Amino acid sequence: MQEVRQRAAPLVRLVRRHRDPVVLQALRSAAAASIAYVVALRLSPEALPLTAPLTALLVVQVTLYATLTNGVRRVTAVVAGVVVAIVFSLLVGLTWWSLGLLIVASLGVGHLVRVDEYVPEVAISAMLVLGVTTVGDTAWARVVETLIGAVVGLGCNLLLPPPVWVEEAGESIEGLARRLRQLMLRIGEEAAGRTPAEQAAARLHEARRLDHDIVEVDAALRQAEESLRLNPRVREGLLHRVVLRTGLDTLEICTVVLRVLARSLTDLAKEREPHPLFPPATGEVVERVLSEIADAVVSFAVLVTTHVSLNADAAEARLTAELRQAATTRDKLAQLLLEQLQHDARQWQLHGAVLTEVDRILDELDTEHRSRRLLEELDRNSQEQRERRPWLYRLRERLRITDRLRRSRAAARRRAD
């Protein structure tokens, strides 16, 4: 059995690699460029119609939504650059000073035709075309090649839907949750002992650096959201987008609260130095509650990525149990802090801040809070779609009614049979 697994391992890795979105995108881009080149060889008078595959590469976007929303502007940018290059090839040709004028003119034309973020592509296309175009009569062939590449690129995105980046976004969210967990564990371990102010400040800087991780996860999530839109391979894309987005929002709030907690502990360390932050019994409970919350954060991340996880039910049950245990430990911590306040009222506001921040994280991770947030976001998105595109909303409702009627008729036939 082990020998069979070892022999099958390369095949398994190959299959998984072919399902990788990066590989799929590279294959789609290569296919679009090749098809555009073959078509241009038949339709263009040029011997080497390289503008067609170049345009196809520029038009093939990462997601279908980006293609439909940005493809027209990108094609306009490329065509505008080609036209500018044709004019320059007829008038002055390619010299060092004409290249500078070409760039200035191309950027100006890009702003005139309002291609927004694709203004630089006007100048890029113009330079590439001018570099291979020397005869004015053949320059117009570049327009034909550009249109061929644009049509092929758009067709490839419609016939070969782009990859879905949901799994990568889910991995990014879980990675952020695990980094949060590690930092919580370190803060808890140090809170249970004698923590120098410098060490507490170092944890505060680590909490602040998590903002950079959130930016990276947000970029991955935006890509996943676009890959879900208008993608025929995805059902309930809106639900997936809302679940992932609200999950990241919750983790971001937890990160902010953790940063505030680290600041409170840093201030407490400065006030109590060289004494410990808490008495031994209280410090042990602080460490325990942060450890339990840290585990709950990871379970929450697994739960919000249920469409890429095989253990969604187990994650929800585990999260509920961990939150219940953390709430019990939190109550014990509140009792110990109250007893400590009766004997020593110094730094009471910092002790209260620590307890408040623990409450905030528990409230954000609560499953009922998450369900309410999901319903609110779904209602808000549905309302925005109805107001923005009422005709599309009516069409979807008709399609849903038709699908329900078809299913009910099929069920009636099965019962009759």
Protein backbone atom coordinates (compact mmCIF):
# COMPACT_ATOMS: atom_id res chain seq x y z
CA MET A 1 0.00 0.00 0.00
CA GLN A 2 2.81 2.37 0.90
CA GLU A 3 4.56 1.58 -2.39
CA VAL A 4 1.39 2.40 -4.36
CA ARG A 5 1.10 5.74 -2.59
CA GLN A 6 4.72 6.58 -3.34
CA ARG A 7 4.27 5.79 -7.04
CA ALA A 8 1.05 7.83 -7.22
CA ALA A 9 2.53 10.83 -5.40
CA PRO A 10 3.97 12.53 -8.55
CA LEU A 11 0.62 12.17 -10.33
CA VAL A 12 -1.23 13.66 -7.36
CA ARG A 13 1.17 16.60 -7.25
CA LEU A 14 0.73 17.15 -11.00
CA VAL A 15 -3.08 17.18 -10.71
CA ARG A 16 -2.97 19.56 -7.79
CA ARG A 17 -0.55 21.80 -9.64
CA HIS A 18 -2.81 21.96 -12.67
CA ARG A 19 -5.64 23.08 -10.40
CA ASP A 20 -3.50 25.90 -9.03
CA PRO A 21 -5.03 29.27 -10.07
CA VAL A 22 -1.62 30.65 -11.01
CA VAL A 23 -1.02 27.75 -13.40
CA LEU A 24 -4.53 28.01 -14.83
CA GLN A 25 -4.10 31.73 -15.44
CA ALA A 26 -0.76 31.17 -17.18
CA LEU A 27 -2.29 28.49 -19.41
CA ARG A 28 -5.25 30.73 -20.28
CA SER A 29 -2.94 33.63 -21.16
CA ALA A 30 -0.73 31.40 -23.31
CA ALA A 31 -3.75 29.92 -25.08
CA ALA A 32 -5.25 33.34 -25.78
CA ALA A 33 -1.98 34.68 -27.18
CA SER A 34 -1.44 31.60 -29.36
CA ILE A 35 -4.96 31.63 -30.78
CA ALA A 36 -4.73 35.37 -31.48
CA TYR A 37 -1.44 34.84 -33.32
CA VAL A 38 -2.86 32.03 -35.46
CA VAL A 39 -5.94 34.07 -36.38
CA ALA A 40 -3.82 37.14 -37.15
CA LEU A 41 -1.57 35.11 -39.48
CA ARG A 42 -4.61 34.44 -41.64
CA LEU A 43 -6.22 37.90 -41.49
CA SER A 44 -3.33 40.33 -41.19
CA PRO A 45 -1.01 41.24 -44.09
CA GLU A 46 1.95 41.28 -41.71
CA ALA A 47 4.37 38.35 -41.73
CA LEU A 48 4.76 38.44 -37.93
CA PRO A 49 1.55 39.88 -36.45
CA LEU A 50 2.84 40.11 -32.87
CA THR A 51 0.45 42.90 -31.90
CA ALA A 52 -2.45 40.42 -31.80
CA PRO A 53 -0.97 38.12 -29.12
CA LEU A 54 0.29 41.19 -27.24
CA THR A 55 -3.23 42.61 -27.10
CA ALA A 56 -4.67 39.25 -26.09
CA LEU A 57 -2.24 39.09 -23.15
CA LEU A 58 -3.23 42.58 -22.09
CA VAL A 59 -6.95 41.88 -22.34
CA VAL A 60 -6.97 38.52 -20.52
CA GLN A 61 -7.64 39.58 -16.95
CA VAL A 62 -7.28 37.65 -13.71
CA THR A 63 -11.06 37.48 -13.22
CA LEU A 64 -14.11 37.48 -15.48
CA TYR A 65 -15.57 40.45 -13.60
CA ALA A 66 -12.43 42.49 -14.25
CA THR A 67 -12.58 41.53 -17.91
CA LEU A 68 -16.14 42.74 -18.36
CA THR A 69 -15.65 45.92 -16.32
CA ASN A 70 -12.13 46.90 -17.40
CA GLY A 71 -11.71 45.12 -20.73
CA VAL A 72 -13.28 47.93 -22.78
CA ARG A 73 -11.01 50.55 -21.25
CA ARG A 74 -7.96 48.37 -21.74
CA VAL A 75 -8.83 47.71 -25.38
CA THR A 76 -9.44 51.44 -25.88
CA ALA A 77 -6.02 52.16 -24.37
CA VAL A 78 -4.28 49.70 -26.68
CA VAL A 79 -6.12 50.96 -29.79
CA ALA A 80 -5.36 54.57 -28.86
CA GLY A 81 -1.68 53.71 -28.50
CA VAL A 82 -1.66 51.98 -31.87
CA VAL A 83 -3.28 55.00 -33.55
CA VAL A 84 -0.74 57.38 -31.99
CA ALA A 85 2.09 55.11 -33.17
CA ILE A 86 0.66 55.04 -36.70
CA VAL A 87 0.58 58.83 -36.84
CA PHE A 88 4.18 59.08 -35.64
CA SER A 89 5.36 56.39 -38.06
CA LEU A 90 3.82 58.37 -40.95
CA LEU A 91 5.28 61.71 -39.86
CA VAL A 92 8.63 61.33 -38.10
CA GLY A 93 9.53 57.68 -37.51
CA LEU A 94 11.50 56.50 -34.49
CA THR A 95 14.24 58.79 -33.12
CA TRP A 96 15.33 59.73 -29.63
CA TRP A 97 13.35 63.00 -29.67
CA SER A 98 10.27 61.50 -31.36
CA LEU A 99 10.17 58.81 -28.66
CA GLY A 100 9.83 61.50 -26.00
CA LEU A 101 7.10 63.27 -27.99
CA LEU A 102 5.38 59.91 -28.50
CA ILE A 103 5.21 59.27 -24.76
CA VAL A 104 3.88 62.75 -24.00
CA ALA A 105 1.29 62.52 -26.78
CA SER A 106 0.23 59.01 -25.74
CA LEU A 107 -0.30 59.99 -22.10
CA GLY A 108 -2.30 63.01 -23.21
CA VAL A 109 -4.48 60.90 -25.50
CA GLY A 110 -4.97 58.40 -22.69
CA HIS A 111 -6.43 61.11 -20.47
CA LEU A 112 -8.58 62.40 -23.33
CA VAL A 113 -10.18 58.99 -23.98
CA ARG A 114 -10.61 58.46 -20.21
CA VAL A 115 -9.05 55.05 -19.77
CA ASP A 116 -8.23 55.87 -16.13
CA GLU A 117 -5.63 53.47 -14.69
CA TYR A 118 -4.73 52.21 -18.18
CA VAL A 119 -3.23 55.54 -19.33
CA PRO A 120 0.34 54.12 -19.17
CA GLU A 121 -0.72 51.29 -21.48
CA VAL A 122 -1.45 53.84 -24.21
CA ALA A 123 2.21 54.87 -24.18
CA ILE A 124 3.42 51.25 -23.85
CA SER A 125 1.36 50.12 -26.84
CA ALA A 126 2.50 53.12 -28.87
CA MET A 127 6.18 52.42 -28.20
CA LEU A 128 5.86 48.72 -29.00
CA VAL A 129 4.02 49.35 -32.25
CA LEU A 130 6.31 52.18 -33.34
CA GLY A 131 9.31 49.96 -32.73
CA VAL A 132 8.13 47.39 -35.25
CA THR A 133 6.37 49.72 -37.69
CA THR A 134 8.33 51.65 -40.29
CA VAL A 135 6.00 51.76 -43.29
CA GLY A 136 2.81 53.81 -43.00
CA ASP A 137 0.77 51.56 -45.26
CA THR A 138 1.42 48.50 -43.11
CA ALA A 139 0.85 50.35 -39.84
CA TRP A 140 -2.91 50.04 -40.21
CA ALA A 141 -2.50 46.29 -40.00
CA ARG A 142 -1.69 46.86 -36.34
CA VAL A 143 -5.25 48.06 -35.77
CA VAL A 144 -6.58 44.83 -37.27
CA GLU A 145 -4.21 42.79 -35.11
CA THR A 146 -5.23 44.76 -32.00
CA LEU A 147 -8.90 44.05 -32.64
CA ILE A 148 -8.15 40.36 -33.24
CA GLY A 149 -6.24 40.13 -29.97
CA ALA A 150 -9.01 41.97 -28.10
CA VAL A 151 -11.74 39.69 -29.44
CA VAL A 152 -9.73 36.53 -28.73
CA GLY A 153 -8.85 37.71 -25.21
CA LEU A 154 -12.45 38.52 -24.33
CA GLY A 155 -13.64 35.27 -25.93
CA CYS A 156 -11.18 33.19 -23.91
CA ASN A 157 -12.41 34.75 -20.68
CA LEU A 158 -16.01 34.02 -21.62
CA LEU A 159 -15.46 30.47 -22.87
CA LEU A 160 -12.75 29.54 -20.35
CA PRO A 161 -13.82 31.08 -17.03
CA PRO A 162 -10.90 32.38 -14.96
CA PRO A 163 -9.85 30.47 -11.84
CA VAL A 164 -11.56 31.07 -8.52
CA TRP A 165 -9.20 32.44 -5.86
CA VAL A 166 -11.38 31.57 -2.86
CA GLU A 167 -9.07 28.88 -1.50
CA GLU A 168 -6.10 31.26 -1.50
CA ALA A 169 -8.16 33.91 0.30
CA GLY A 170 -9.25 31.32 2.87
CA GLU A 171 -5.65 30.31 3.48
CA SER A 172 -4.70 33.98 3.95
CA ILE A 173 -7.49 34.47 6.49
CA GLU A 174 -6.47 31.36 8.42
CA GLY A 175 -2.83 32.46 8.29
CA LEU A 176 -3.77 35.82 9.83
CA ALA A 177 -5.75 34.04 12.55
CA ARG A 178 -2.79 31.81 13.40
CA ARG A 179 -0.48 34.81 13.65
CA LEU A 180 -3.00 36.42 15.98
CA ARG A 181 -3.04 33.24 18.04
CA GLN A 182 0.74 33.12 18.38
CA LEU A 183 0.89 36.73 19.53
CA MET A 184 -1.92 36.18 22.04
CA LEU A 185 -0.09 33.17 23.47
CA ARG A 186 3.13 35.15 23.90
CA ILE A 187 1.29 38.04 25.54
CA GLY A 188 -0.48 35.63 27.90
CA GLU A 189 2.74 33.84 28.87
CA GLU A 190 4.46 37.12 29.65
CA ALA A 191 1.45 38.48 31.56
CA ALA A 192 1.72 35.52 33.94
CA GLY A 193 5.31 36.41 34.90
CA ARG A 194 7.55 39.37 35.56
CA THR A 195 7.38 41.32 32.32
CA PRO A 196 9.85 44.19 31.75
CA ALA A 197 8.38 47.29 30.12
CA GLU A 198 10.68 46.86 27.10
CA GLN A 199 9.38 43.34 26.49
CA ALA A 200 5.75 44.47 26.74
CA ALA A 201 6.50 47.31 24.31
CA ALA A 202 7.98 44.77 21.86
CA ARG A 203 4.69 42.86 21.88
CA LEU A 204 2.88 46.13 21.22
CA HIS A 205 5.04 46.70 18.12
CA GLU A 206 4.25 43.15 16.95
CA ALA A 207 0.54 43.86 17.30
CA ARG A 208 0.96 47.04 15.26
CA ARG A 209 2.79 45.16 12.51
CA LEU A 210 -0.25 42.93 12.05
CA ASP A 211 -1.81 45.83 10.15
CA HIS A 212 0.49 45.00 7.22
CA ASP A 213 -0.74 41.41 7.27
CA ILE A 214 -4.34 42.63 7.14
CA VAL A 215 -3.55 44.68 4.04
CA GLU A 216 -2.14 41.59 2.29
CA VAL A 217 -5.12 39.45 3.29
CA ASP A 218 -7.49 42.18 2.12
CA ALA A 219 -5.79 42.19 -1.31
CA ALA A 220 -6.17 38.40 -1.56
CA LEU A 221 -9.81 38.68 -0.52
CA ARG A 222 -10.54 41.37 -3.11
CA GLN A 223 -9.13 39.11 -5.80
CA ALA A 224 -11.31 36.26 -4.54
CA GLU A 225 -14.39 38.49 -4.49
CA GLU A 226 -13.83 39.48 -8.11
CA SER A 227 -13.27 35.86 -9.14
CA LEU A 228 -16.68 34.97 -7.68
CA ARG A 229 -18.57 37.66 -9.55
CA LEU A 230 -20.21 36.65 -12.84
CA ASN A 231 -18.34 33.34 -12.75
CA PRO A 232 -20.53 30.50 -14.14
CA ARG A 233 -18.61 27.94 -12.09
CA VAL A 234 -19.70 29.50 -8.80
CA ARG A 235 -23.09 29.19 -7.14
CA GLU A 236 -24.13 31.57 -4.35
CA GLY A 237 -21.16 33.84 -5.03
CA LEU A 238 -22.70 36.68 -3.00
CA LEU A 239 -22.96 34.49 0.09
CA HIS A 240 -19.34 33.41 -0.23
CA ARG A 241 -18.17 37.00 -0.64
CA VAL A 242 -20.12 38.21 2.37
CA VAL A 243 -18.95 35.34 4.58
CA LEU A 244 -15.30 35.95 3.74
CA ARG A 245 -15.55 39.73 4.01
CA THR A 246 -17.35 39.71 7.37
CA GLY A 247 -14.87 37.12 8.63
CA LEU A 248 -11.94 39.35 7.75
CA ASP A 249 -13.69 42.34 9.31
CA THR A 250 -14.07 40.40 12.56
CA LEU A 251 -10.40 39.39 12.57
CA GLU A 252 -9.42 42.98 11.85
CA ILE A 253 -11.44 44.18 14.85
CA CYS A 254 -9.82 41.48 16.98
CA THR A 255 -6.41 42.69 15.80
CA VAL A 256 -7.25 46.27 16.81
CA VAL A 257 -8.49 45.14 20.22
CA LEU A 258 -5.39 43.01 20.70
CA ARG A 259 -3.26 46.06 19.93
CA VAL A 260 -5.18 48.04 22.58
CA LEU A 261 -4.71 45.15 25.02
CA ALA A 262 -0.97 45.13 24.35
CA ARG A 263 -0.90 48.89 24.98
CA SER A 264 -2.75 48.45 28.29
CA LEU A 265 -0.30 45.76 29.40
CA THR A 266 2.64 47.94 28.33
CA ASP A 267 1.34 50.84 30.42
CA LEU A 268 0.71 48.46 33.32
CA ALA A 269 4.26 47.12 33.07
CA LYS A 270 5.66 50.66 33.25
CA GLU A 271 3.52 51.48 36.28
CA ARG A 272 4.31 48.30 38.23
CA GLU A 273 7.97 47.77 37.31
CA PRO A 274 9.87 45.96 38.78
CA HIS A 275 6.86 44.05 40.19
CA PRO A 276 4.83 41.55 38.12
CA LEU A 277 1.82 42.73 36.13
CA PHE A 278 -0.55 40.60 38.23
CA PRO A 279 -0.39 38.42 41.30
CA PRO A 280 0.54 34.80 40.44
CA ALA A 281 -3.03 33.45 40.57
CA THR A 282 -4.44 36.31 38.49
CA GLY A 283 -1.58 36.09 35.97
CA GLU A 284 -2.26 32.40 35.49
CA VAL A 285 -5.93 33.11 34.70
CA VAL A 286 -4.95 35.91 32.28
CA GLU A 287 -2.68 33.48 30.45
CA ARG A 288 -5.42 30.85 30.36
CA VAL A 289 -8.14 33.16 29.02
CA LEU A 290 -5.84 34.53 26.29
CA SER A 291 -4.89 30.98 25.33
CA GLU A 292 -8.55 29.97 25.05
CA ILE A 293 -9.39 33.08 23.03
CA ALA A 294 -6.42 32.41 20.75
CA ASP A 295 -7.75 28.93 19.97
CA ALA A 296 -11.20 30.39 19.35
CA VAL A 297 -9.76 32.87 16.83
CA VAL A 298 -8.36 30.01 14.72
CA SER A 299 -11.62 28.07 14.94
CA PHE A 300 -13.49 31.18 13.83
CA ALA A 301 -11.21 31.54 10.80
CA VAL A 302 -11.81 27.91 9.83
CA LEU A 303 -15.54 28.44 10.25
CA VAL A 304 -15.73 31.48 7.95
CA THR A 305 -13.88 29.55 5.24
CA THR A 306 -16.39 26.70 5.32
CA HIS A 307 -16.59 26.44 1.52
CA VAL A 308 -12.91 25.48 1.42
CA SER A 309 -12.88 23.44 4.63
CA LEU A 310 -13.91 19.83 5.19
CA ASN A 311 -14.42 20.35 8.94
CA ALA A 312 -16.97 23.19 9.06
CA ASP A 313 -19.34 21.47 11.48
CA ALA A 314 -16.49 20.45 13.75
CA ALA A 315 -15.08 23.99 13.63
CA GLU A 316 -18.42 25.49 14.65
CA ALA A 317 -18.83 23.07 17.54
CA ARG A 318 -15.24 23.65 18.60
CA LEU A 319 -15.66 27.42 18.41
CA THR A 320 -18.83 27.32 20.53
CA ALA A 321 -17.13 25.17 23.17
CA GLU A 322 -14.01 27.34 23.23
CA LEU A 323 -16.02 30.55 23.58
CA ARG A 324 -18.05 29.02 26.39
CA GLN A 325 -14.88 27.97 28.20
CA ALA A 326 -13.26 31.37 27.61
CA ALA A 327 -16.35 33.13 29.01
CA THR A 328 -16.12 31.00 32.15
CA THR A 329 -12.44 31.84 32.57
CA ARG A 330 -13.22 35.51 31.93
CA ASP A 331 -15.73 35.49 34.81
CA LYS A 332 -13.08 34.01 37.06
CA LEU A 333 -10.63 36.72 35.99
CA ALA A 334 -13.22 39.41 36.75
CA GLN A 335 -13.69 37.99 40.25
CA LEU A 336 -9.93 37.92 40.90
CA LEU A 337 -9.48 41.49 39.64
CA LEU A 338 -12.34 42.63 41.87
CA GLU A 339 -10.72 40.97 44.90
CA GLN A 340 -7.39 42.55 44.01
CA LEU A 341 -9.06 45.97 43.72
CA GLN A 342 -10.34 45.66 47.27
CA HIS A 343 -6.77 45.22 48.56
CA ASP A 344 -4.89 47.42 46.11
CA ALA A 345 -6.72 50.04 44.03
CA ARG A 346 -3.65 51.19 42.11
CA GLN A 347 -3.87 50.90 38.31
CA TRP A 348 -7.52 49.85 38.60
CA GLN A 349 -8.30 51.54 35.29
CA LEU A 350 -5.69 49.43 33.47
CA HIS A 351 -7.01 46.23 35.03
CA GLY A 352 -10.51 47.23 33.95
CA ALA A 353 -9.24 47.93 30.43
CA VAL A 354 -7.76 44.44 30.18
CA LEU A 355 -11.10 42.90 31.15
CA THR A 356 -13.00 45.16 28.72
CA GLU A 357 -10.76 44.20 25.82
CA VAL A 358 -11.23 40.51 26.56
CA ASP A 359 -15.00 41.08 26.51
CA ARG A 360 -14.79 42.83 23.14
CA ILE A 361 -12.93 39.98 21.48
CA LEU A 362 -15.36 37.41 22.88
CA ASP A 363 -18.30 39.47 21.64
CA GLU A 364 -16.83 39.74 18.12
CA LEU A 365 -16.24 35.99 17.90
CA ASP A 366 -19.71 35.11 19.18
CA THR A 367 -21.61 32.95 16.68
CA GLU A 368 -24.89 34.83 17.19
CA HIS A 369 -23.12 38.13 16.52
CA ARG A 370 -21.68 36.62 13.35
CA SER A 371 -25.10 35.41 12.16
CA ARG A 372 -26.66 38.84 12.69
CA ARG A 373 -23.81 40.48 10.81
CA LEU A 374 -24.18 38.06 7.90
CA LEU A 375 -27.91 38.73 7.60
CA GLU A 376 -27.36 42.49 7.74
CA GLU A 377 -24.68 42.38 5.02
CA LEU A 378 -26.77 40.11 2.79
CA ASP A 379 -29.76 42.43 3.12
CA ARG A 380 -27.60 45.48 2.41
CA ASN A 381 -26.03 43.89 -0.69
CA SER A 382 -29.41 42.77 -1.99
CA GLN A 383 -30.83 46.25 -1.47
CA GLU A 384 -27.89 47.84 -3.29
CA GLN A 385 -28.33 45.47 -6.23
CA ARG A 386 -32.05 46.21 -6.44
CA GLU A 387 -31.41 49.95 -6.43
CA ARG A 388 -28.45 49.84 -8.81
CA ARG A 389 -29.76 47.31 -11.36
CA PRO A 390 -33.52 46.79 -10.92
CA TRP A 391 -33.82 45.07 -14.30
CA LEU A 392 -31.18 42.51 -13.31
CA TYR A 393 -32.94 41.86 -10.01
CA ARG A 394 -36.27 41.27 -11.81
CA LEU A 395 -34.55 38.92 -14.26
CA ARG A 396 -33.04 36.90 -11.41
CA GLU A 397 -36.39 36.65 -9.69
CA ARG A 398 -38.00 35.35 -12.89
CA LEU A 399 -35.24 32.81 -13.35
CA ARG A 400 -35.66 31.64 -9.75
CA ILE A 401 -39.41 31.27 -10.19
CA THR A 402 -38.89 29.35 -13.44
CA ASP A 403 -36.35 27.07 -11.77
CA ARG A 404 -38.73 26.38 -8.86
CA LEU A 405 -41.57 25.55 -11.24
CA ARG A 406 -39.30 23.22 -13.21
CA ARG A 407 -38.23 21.42 -10.04
CA SER A 408 -41.78 21.10 -8.74
CA ARG A 409 -42.95 19.66 -12.07
CA ALA A 410 -40.05 17.20 -12.09
CA ALA A 411 -40.92 16.14 -8.54
CA ALA A 412 -44.58 15.70 -9.51
CA ARG A 413 -43.59 13.48 -12.43
CA ARG A 414 -41.41 11.33 -10.17
CA ARG A 415 -44.25 10.91 -7.70
CA ALA A 416 -46.67 10.01 -10.54
CA ASP A 417 -44.26 7.40 -11.84
